[in-house]
Amino acid sequence: MKSRLLVALVVVAVVLLGCAMFLATYKRDWVTETTPAKGEADYNPFFALERILVGMGQPASSGVLLNRVLPQLKPGDTLVMDGDTSGITTLQAQAIGQWVRAGGHLVFSPFFVADTPLNDNLGLQRKTEKWTSLCMNLAMDAKDQVDTKKSPPMCGLGFYLQPQAMARASVIIGKPESDGLLFARVPIGKGTVSLLSSLAMDVLMRDRLKHGPEQQFAMRLLAPNFGRGQFFLLYKLIGNSFWVSLFMRGWPALLASLLLVLGWMAMRSERLGPLVPAPAAHRRALLEHIHAVGEFLFRRDSGRSLHRLACDAILVRLHRTDPASVMLKRDELYAWLAQRSRLDAHHIENAFQSPANAAAFRGSMTTLARLRSHL
């Protein structure tokens, strides 16, 4: 009994010691793990910027259809366009230019080709054949005490402005005399145009806004109309709807699909005509043999033997139905047959005569067939 009590005390002491050691060494710590983006955050690069603006009380929306945004633009709004601006039509460029001069703020990336409808309307970018890649550090304010060498860089292909636009520019980032510009802000009328290199536009996208320098740069970039109107973020410049673009640009694929569907329908539908000859109709072989034998006999002796067989068949049938007719000969037989069949005795007599030609053979066989049907 004492040994059992001693073992229980030892077990309790070990458990208490283990609990004490766990509580003495345990430390609660929070760990944040970044999971892959899902849903809209996966395909919309401006999703984080849109959420930040909405959280700050600024109306913001993102999309891909430029034609849907243009009617909604008002003075004081901000339009951010990422993508190939060379696809903007002349009418769209005129609408954007009028809106900017009325007080809008346009942010876009200049295209490699300077003679686009949008650039022709704004008159900002200068044509060049040299595109140089350059990087600039995004330094934070001095009070944040961040080393500029460790701040994240903003890289892209430098672009060049027209001399008149360069003289009006209020903010520039880059080397205008050598490698070009990464960023430029030029006032036009009552509005503002901010040109940002296409690769440098990545500063506003996805998880880059988690860092302080990118956040400060984004706020300074959107500052001209911040708090005045709505923000429109276009991450793909599509002038027409999906169905219009499908029919305008995807007609080769639609035509090929239509041919495949028509081929499948032709393969699965009923045929307009048979592919193989139709099977022969049902035949009576015995009747064909009889017909062939008759033709053979007729060709051998002009039908005389066949006529004789037909006459013998009539007489055999008559003797079987009327045994007394065995005693009748020639005229008496013809008169008896005429009485039984109600045919003319002279026709019956001619029918029993050997035919002289094919016409006589057909007439005799016709009379004999009618006579047989009455016996």
Protein backbone atom coordinates (compact mmCIF):
# COMPACT_ATOMS: atom_id res chain seq x y z
CA MET A 1 0.00 0.00 0.00
CA LYS A 2 2.83 2.32 0.90
CA SER A 3 4.63 1.52 -2.34
CA ARG A 4 1.58 2.46 -4.39
CA LEU A 5 1.25 5.75 -2.55
CA LEU A 6 4.92 6.49 -3.16
CA VAL A 7 4.57 5.84 -6.89
CA ALA A 8 1.53 8.14 -7.10
CA LEU A 9 3.41 10.93 -5.31
CA VAL A 10 6.34 10.57 -7.70
CA VAL A 11 4.01 10.76 -10.74
CA VAL A 12 2.27 13.87 -9.38
CA ALA A 13 5.63 15.51 -8.66
CA VAL A 14 6.83 14.82 -12.24
CA VAL A 15 3.63 16.27 -13.71
CA LEU A 16 3.89 19.41 -11.55
CA LEU A 17 7.52 19.85 -12.48
CA GLY A 18 6.70 19.54 -16.18
CA CYS A 19 3.88 22.12 -15.91
CA ALA A 20 6.19 24.51 -14.07
CA MET A 21 8.87 24.20 -16.71
CA PHE A 22 6.33 24.73 -19.53
CA LEU A 23 4.89 27.87 -17.91
CA ALA A 24 8.38 29.21 -17.22
CA THR A 25 9.60 28.76 -20.80
CA TYR A 26 6.33 29.42 -22.77
CA LYS A 27 6.11 32.68 -24.67
CA ARG A 28 3.11 33.75 -26.79
CA ASP A 29 4.09 35.26 -30.12
CA TRP A 30 2.02 36.43 -33.09
CA VAL A 31 3.17 35.36 -36.57
CA THR A 32 1.70 36.86 -39.75
CA GLU A 33 1.91 34.76 -42.90
CA THR A 34 1.07 36.12 -46.34
CA THR A 35 -1.25 33.85 -48.29
CA PRO A 36 -1.60 33.86 -52.10
CA ALA A 37 -4.08 36.38 -53.47
CA LYS A 38 -7.51 35.05 -54.38
CA GLY A 39 -10.50 36.42 -56.25
CA GLU A 40 -10.29 40.04 -57.41
CA ALA A 41 -7.01 40.58 -55.59
CA ASP A 42 -5.46 38.00 -57.91
CA TYR A 43 -6.36 39.62 -61.27
CA ASN A 44 -6.81 43.29 -60.29
CA PRO A 45 -3.38 44.91 -59.67
CA PHE A 46 -5.06 48.09 -58.34
CA PHE A 47 -7.10 46.18 -55.75
CA ALA A 48 -4.89 47.25 -52.81
CA LEU A 49 -4.82 50.91 -53.95
CA GLU A 50 -8.60 50.90 -54.36
CA ARG A 51 -9.10 49.49 -50.84
CA ILE A 52 -6.72 52.08 -49.38
CA LEU A 53 -8.54 54.96 -51.08
CA VAL A 54 -11.94 53.69 -49.98
CA GLY A 55 -10.61 53.28 -46.44
CA MET A 56 -9.51 56.93 -46.53
CA GLY A 57 -13.00 58.03 -47.55
CA GLN A 58 -12.23 58.59 -51.24
CA PRO A 59 -14.71 57.15 -53.78
CA ALA A 60 -12.75 54.73 -55.96
CA SER A 61 -13.51 52.02 -58.51
CA SER A 62 -11.43 49.81 -60.76
CA GLY A 63 -12.18 48.12 -64.07
CA VAL A 64 -11.06 47.52 -67.63
CA LEU A 65 -13.59 49.33 -69.86
CA LEU A 66 -12.55 52.83 -70.88
CA ASN A 67 -15.83 53.51 -72.70
CA ARG A 68 -17.74 52.88 -69.48
CA VAL A 69 -15.59 55.33 -67.51
CA LEU A 70 -15.49 58.23 -69.99
CA PRO A 71 -19.16 59.29 -69.56
CA GLN A 72 -18.68 59.36 -65.75
CA LEU A 73 -15.62 61.66 -65.69
CA LYS A 74 -16.18 65.06 -64.08
CA PRO A 75 -13.84 67.96 -63.21
CA GLY A 76 -12.00 67.04 -60.04
CA ASP A 77 -11.88 63.29 -60.77
CA THR A 78 -8.70 61.26 -61.20
CA LEU A 79 -8.17 58.66 -63.92
CA VAL A 80 -5.27 56.19 -63.61
CA MET A 81 -4.62 54.13 -66.73
CA ASP A 82 -2.17 51.24 -66.83
CA GLY A 83 -1.48 49.54 -70.12
CA ASP A 84 -1.02 50.29 -73.80
CA THR A 85 -2.44 53.76 -74.45
CA SER A 86 -1.86 53.44 -78.21
CA GLY A 87 -5.20 51.64 -78.52
CA ILE A 88 -7.13 54.75 -77.46
CA THR A 89 -9.07 56.11 -80.42
CA THR A 90 -9.16 59.72 -81.57
CA LEU A 91 -12.65 60.30 -80.16
CA GLN A 92 -11.65 58.84 -76.80
CA ALA A 93 -8.48 60.97 -76.77
CA GLN A 94 -10.53 64.11 -77.46
CA ALA A 95 -12.91 63.28 -74.61
CA ILE A 96 -9.99 62.69 -72.22
CA GLY A 97 -8.28 65.93 -73.32
CA GLN A 98 -11.42 68.01 -72.77
CA TRP A 99 -11.92 66.46 -69.36
CA VAL A 100 -8.29 67.15 -68.30
CA ARG A 101 -8.45 70.79 -69.42
CA ALA A 102 -11.69 71.19 -67.44
CA GLY A 103 -9.99 70.16 -64.19
CA GLY A 104 -9.29 66.42 -64.33
CA HIS A 105 -6.15 64.59 -63.26
CA LEU A 106 -4.84 61.97 -65.69
CA VAL A 107 -2.18 59.42 -64.71
CA PHE A 108 -0.89 57.16 -67.47
CA SER A 109 2.26 55.57 -68.89
CA PRO A 110 3.65 57.04 -72.13
CA PHE A 111 3.85 54.57 -74.98
CA PHE A 112 6.98 53.83 -77.00
CA VAL A 113 5.42 55.40 -80.09
CA ALA A 114 4.92 59.13 -79.51
CA ASP A 115 2.42 59.72 -82.33
CA THR A 116 -0.63 58.23 -80.61
CA PRO A 117 -4.04 59.93 -80.58
CA LEU A 118 -3.76 60.63 -76.84
CA ASN A 119 -0.30 62.20 -77.11
CA ASP A 120 -1.33 64.19 -80.18
CA ASN A 121 -4.19 65.66 -78.18
CA LEU A 122 -2.14 66.41 -75.06
CA GLY A 123 1.11 67.34 -76.86
CA LEU A 124 3.45 66.21 -74.07
CA GLN A 125 5.71 63.35 -75.13
CA ARG A 126 8.63 63.88 -77.49
CA LYS A 127 9.47 61.22 -80.05
CA THR A 128 12.76 59.42 -79.49
CA GLU A 129 14.51 56.33 -80.74
CA LYS A 130 16.49 55.78 -77.54
CA TRP A 131 14.87 54.17 -74.51
CA THR A 132 17.20 53.90 -71.54
CA SER A 133 16.44 51.99 -68.38
CA LEU A 134 17.07 53.93 -65.18
CA CYS A 135 16.26 53.57 -61.48
CA MET A 136 15.64 56.11 -58.74
CA ASN A 137 15.33 55.50 -55.01
CA LEU A 138 12.01 56.24 -53.34
CA ALA A 139 13.30 58.06 -50.25
CA MET A 140 10.90 58.81 -47.42
CA ASP A 141 10.73 62.02 -45.48
CA ALA A 142 13.77 62.94 -43.41
CA LYS A 143 11.79 62.62 -40.18
CA ASP A 144 11.24 58.94 -40.92
CA GLN A 145 15.02 58.43 -40.71
CA VAL A 146 15.21 55.92 -43.57
CA ASP A 147 18.47 55.43 -45.45
CA THR A 148 17.93 56.34 -49.11
CA LYS A 149 20.31 53.61 -50.20
CA LYS A 150 18.04 50.99 -48.62
CA SER A 151 14.77 52.47 -49.88
CA PRO A 152 13.04 50.49 -52.66
CA PRO A 153 13.98 51.66 -56.17
CA MET A 154 11.57 52.82 -58.87
CA CYS A 155 12.79 51.58 -62.23
CA GLY A 156 11.56 52.00 -65.79
CA LEU A 157 12.33 53.20 -69.29
CA GLY A 158 12.95 56.92 -69.47
CA PHE A 159 10.73 59.10 -71.66
CA TYR A 160 11.19 62.66 -72.94
CA LEU A 161 8.85 65.66 -72.96
CA GLN A 162 8.31 68.36 -75.53
CA PRO A 163 10.24 71.58 -74.74
CA GLN A 164 7.00 73.48 -74.02
CA ALA A 165 5.75 70.71 -71.73
CA MET A 166 9.14 70.45 -70.04
CA ALA A 167 9.03 74.19 -69.30
CA ARG A 168 5.58 73.89 -67.67
CA ALA A 169 6.37 70.72 -65.68
CA SER A 170 5.94 71.22 -61.95
CA VAL A 171 7.55 67.93 -60.84
CA ILE A 172 10.03 65.68 -62.63
CA ILE A 173 11.94 62.57 -61.56
CA GLY A 174 14.80 61.38 -63.71
CA LYS A 175 17.53 62.77 -65.94
CA PRO A 176 15.88 64.82 -68.68
CA GLU A 177 19.14 65.60 -70.48
CA SER A 178 20.52 62.07 -70.70
CA ASP A 179 18.50 59.00 -69.73
CA GLY A 180 15.01 60.53 -69.69
CA LEU A 181 12.30 60.80 -67.06
CA LEU A 182 10.57 58.29 -64.83
CA PHE A 183 7.88 60.71 -63.70
CA ALA A 184 6.63 64.11 -64.80
CA ARG A 185 3.65 66.26 -63.78
CA VAL A 186 2.48 68.86 -66.27
CA PRO A 187 -0.51 71.22 -65.78
CA ILE A 188 -2.85 71.51 -68.77
CA GLY A 189 -5.62 74.10 -68.52
CA LYS A 190 -7.34 73.62 -65.18
CA GLY A 191 -6.19 70.02 -64.90
CA THR A 192 -3.04 68.00 -64.48
CA VAL A 193 -1.35 65.17 -66.37
CA SER A 194 1.04 62.84 -64.54
CA LEU A 195 3.23 60.68 -66.76
CA LEU A 196 4.73 57.63 -65.08
CA SER A 197 6.98 55.11 -66.81
CA SER A 198 5.23 51.83 -67.57
CA LEU A 199 7.55 49.77 -65.38
CA ALA A 200 7.44 52.42 -62.64
CA MET A 201 3.64 52.03 -62.51
CA ASP A 202 4.28 48.81 -60.56
CA VAL A 203 4.87 50.99 -57.48
CA LEU A 204 1.08 51.43 -57.22
CA MET A 205 0.22 47.77 -57.73
CA ARG A 206 -0.37 44.69 -55.63
CA ASP A 207 1.66 44.32 -52.42
CA ARG A 208 4.13 47.15 -53.19
CA LEU A 209 1.89 49.47 -51.18
CA LYS A 210 2.76 47.61 -47.97
CA HIS A 211 5.94 49.67 -47.73
CA GLY A 212 6.12 53.25 -46.52
CA PRO A 213 8.02 54.80 -49.47
CA GLU A 214 5.53 53.42 -52.00
CA GLN A 215 2.64 54.71 -49.89
CA GLN A 216 4.09 58.22 -49.72
CA PHE A 217 4.82 58.23 -53.45
CA ALA A 218 1.26 57.08 -54.22
CA MET A 219 -0.23 59.84 -52.06
CA ARG A 220 1.97 62.47 -53.73
CA LEU A 221 1.12 61.09 -57.15
CA LEU A 222 -2.64 61.32 -56.48
CA ALA A 223 -2.42 64.62 -54.59
CA PRO A 224 -3.70 67.10 -57.26
CA ASN A 225 -7.37 66.04 -57.00
CA PHE A 226 -7.24 64.15 -53.70
CA GLY A 227 -10.44 64.79 -51.77
CA ARG A 228 -12.18 66.55 -54.67
CA GLY A 229 -13.71 63.81 -56.78
CA GLN A 230 -13.76 60.12 -57.63
CA PHE A 231 -10.82 57.89 -58.53
CA PHE A 232 -11.08 55.59 -61.56
CA LEU A 233 -8.40 52.90 -61.83
CA LEU A 234 -8.09 51.09 -65.17
CA TYR A 235 -5.67 48.20 -65.07
CA LYS A 236 -6.37 47.15 -68.67
CA LEU A 237 -7.35 49.54 -71.40
CA ILE A 238 -10.22 47.93 -73.27
CA GLY A 239 -12.24 50.37 -75.31
CA ASN A 240 -15.05 47.96 -76.20
CA SER A 241 -16.93 45.32 -74.30
CA PHE A 242 -15.91 41.69 -74.33
CA TRP A 243 -18.47 40.65 -76.95
CA VAL A 244 -17.64 43.54 -79.29
CA SER A 245 -13.92 42.78 -79.01
CA LEU A 246 -14.63 39.10 -79.56
CA PHE A 247 -16.48 39.71 -82.82
CA MET A 248 -14.04 42.38 -84.05
CA ARG A 249 -10.76 40.63 -83.20
CA GLY A 250 -11.72 37.03 -82.67
CA TRP A 251 -13.64 36.42 -85.91
CA PRO A 252 -10.98 33.95 -87.24
CA ALA A 253 -11.46 31.75 -84.19
CA LEU A 254 -15.25 32.12 -84.43
CA LEU A 255 -15.17 31.17 -88.13
CA ALA A 256 -13.06 28.09 -87.40
CA SER A 257 -15.41 27.11 -84.56
CA LEU A 258 -18.41 27.56 -86.87
CA LEU A 259 -16.85 25.26 -89.46
CA LEU A 260 -16.18 22.64 -86.78
CA VAL A 261 -19.78 22.85 -85.56
CA LEU A 262 -21.14 22.56 -89.11
CA GLY A 263 -18.89 19.56 -89.76
CA TRP A 264 -20.07 17.91 -86.56
CA MET A 265 -23.73 18.57 -87.48
CA ALA A 266 -23.18 17.12 -90.96
CA MET A 267 -21.57 14.04 -89.44
CA ARG A 268 -24.35 13.50 -86.90
CA SER A 269 -27.36 14.40 -89.09
CA GLU A 270 -29.30 12.19 -91.52
CA ARG A 271 -27.89 11.72 -94.99
CA LEU A 272 -29.52 13.39 -97.99
CA GLY A 273 -28.86 10.31 -100.11
CA PRO A 274 -27.70 6.73 -99.58
CA LEU A 275 -23.98 6.05 -99.52
CA VAL A 276 -24.45 2.44 -100.73
CA PRO A 277 -26.91 0.98 -103.24
CA ALA A 278 -30.30 0.11 -101.82
CA PRO A 279 -30.81 -3.60 -101.13
CA ALA A 280 -32.77 -5.56 -103.72
CA ALA A 281 -36.50 -5.88 -103.20
CA HIS A 282 -38.03 -9.15 -102.02
CA ARG A 283 -38.19 -11.67 -104.86
CA ARG A 284 -40.15 -14.88 -105.44
CA ALA A 285 -37.47 -17.25 -106.73
CA LEU A 286 -39.92 -19.96 -107.90
CA LEU A 287 -41.82 -17.50 -110.03
CA GLU A 288 -38.59 -16.27 -111.57
CA HIS A 289 -37.55 -19.81 -112.43
CA ILE A 290 -40.91 -20.49 -114.05
CA HIS A 291 -40.62 -17.30 -116.05
CA ALA A 292 -37.11 -18.23 -117.16
CA VAL A 293 -38.22 -21.74 -118.20
CA GLY A 294 -41.09 -20.25 -120.22
CA GLU A 295 -38.73 -17.88 -122.03
CA PHE A 296 -36.39 -20.80 -122.79
CA LEU A 297 -39.16 -22.97 -124.21
CA PHE A 298 -40.55 -20.10 -126.27
CA ARG A 299 -37.14 -19.33 -127.81
CA ARG A 300 -36.43 -23.02 -128.61
CA ASP A 301 -39.45 -23.69 -130.88
CA SER A 302 -41.37 -20.39 -131.07
CA GLY A 303 -43.50 -21.38 -128.10
CA ARG A 304 -45.09 -24.52 -129.56
CA SER A 305 -43.93 -26.86 -126.81
CA LEU A 306 -44.97 -24.28 -124.16
CA HIS A 307 -48.38 -23.99 -125.82
CA ARG A 308 -48.76 -27.73 -125.81
CA LEU A 309 -47.93 -27.91 -122.10
CA ALA A 310 -50.51 -25.23 -121.37
CA CYS A 311 -53.17 -27.15 -123.34
CA ASP A 312 -52.33 -30.41 -121.55
CA ALA A 313 -52.59 -28.62 -118.20
CA ILE A 314 -56.10 -27.38 -119.10
CA LEU A 315 -57.23 -30.88 -120.10
CA VAL A 316 -55.76 -32.48 -116.96
CA ARG A 317 -57.56 -29.95 -114.79
CA LEU A 318 -60.83 -30.51 -116.68
CA HIS A 319 -60.60 -34.31 -116.37
CA ARG A 320 -59.88 -34.04 -112.66
CA THR A 321 -62.90 -31.84 -111.99
CA ASP A 322 -65.22 -33.62 -114.51
CA PRO A 323 -64.19 -37.24 -115.24
CA ALA A 324 -66.99 -37.61 -117.84
CA SER A 325 -65.25 -35.11 -120.11
CA VAL A 326 -62.65 -37.74 -120.93
CA MET A 327 -64.96 -39.12 -123.60
CA LEU A 328 -65.33 -35.77 -125.37
CA LYS A 329 -63.27 -35.00 -128.46
CA ARG A 330 -62.56 -31.84 -130.44
CA ASP A 331 -65.86 -30.01 -131.30
CA GLU A 332 -67.75 -31.61 -128.43
CA LEU A 333 -64.87 -30.72 -126.07
CA TYR A 334 -64.74 -27.12 -127.31
CA ALA A 335 -68.54 -26.78 -126.94
CA TRP A 336 -68.34 -28.23 -123.39
CA LEU A 337 -65.53 -25.84 -122.45
CA ALA A 338 -67.45 -22.90 -123.94
CA GLN A 339 -70.47 -23.84 -121.85
CA ARG A 340 -68.37 -24.10 -118.67
CA SER A 341 -66.39 -20.91 -119.22
CA ARG A 342 -68.98 -18.82 -121.11
CA LEU A 343 -66.38 -18.12 -123.79
CA ASP A 344 -66.81 -18.36 -127.53
CA ALA A 345 -66.26 -21.93 -128.82
CA HIS A 346 -64.44 -20.60 -131.89
CA HIS A 347 -61.92 -18.71 -129.71
CA ILE A 348 -61.40 -21.84 -127.63
CA GLU A 349 -60.76 -23.90 -130.75
CA ASN A 350 -58.21 -21.35 -132.01
CA ALA A 351 -56.56 -21.34 -128.62
CA PHE A 352 -55.97 -25.12 -128.81
CA GLN A 353 -54.40 -24.81 -132.31
CA SER A 354 -50.59 -24.60 -132.56
CA PRO A 355 -49.63 -20.89 -132.86
CA ALA A 356 -48.11 -19.71 -136.10
CA ASN A 357 -46.38 -16.60 -134.74
CA ALA A 358 -45.79 -14.61 -131.55
CA ALA A 359 -49.09 -12.71 -131.80
CA ALA A 360 -51.04 -15.95 -132.15
CA PHE A 361 -49.10 -17.39 -129.21
CA ARG A 362 -50.01 -14.44 -126.96
CA GLY A 363 -53.69 -14.66 -127.97
CA SER A 364 -53.85 -18.43 -127.37
CA MET A 365 -52.13 -18.14 -123.97
CA THR A 366 -54.52 -15.36 -122.91
CA THR A 367 -57.59 -17.46 -123.83
CA LEU A 368 -56.16 -20.56 -122.10
CA ALA A 369 -55.47 -18.53 -118.91
CA ARG A 370 -59.07 -17.25 -118.85
CA LEU A 371 -60.37 -20.75 -119.51
CA ARG A 372 -58.30 -22.20 -116.67
CA SER A 373 -59.72 -19.64 -114.23
CA HIS A 374 -63.28 -20.97 -114.91
CA LEU A 375 -62.50 -24.65 -114.38
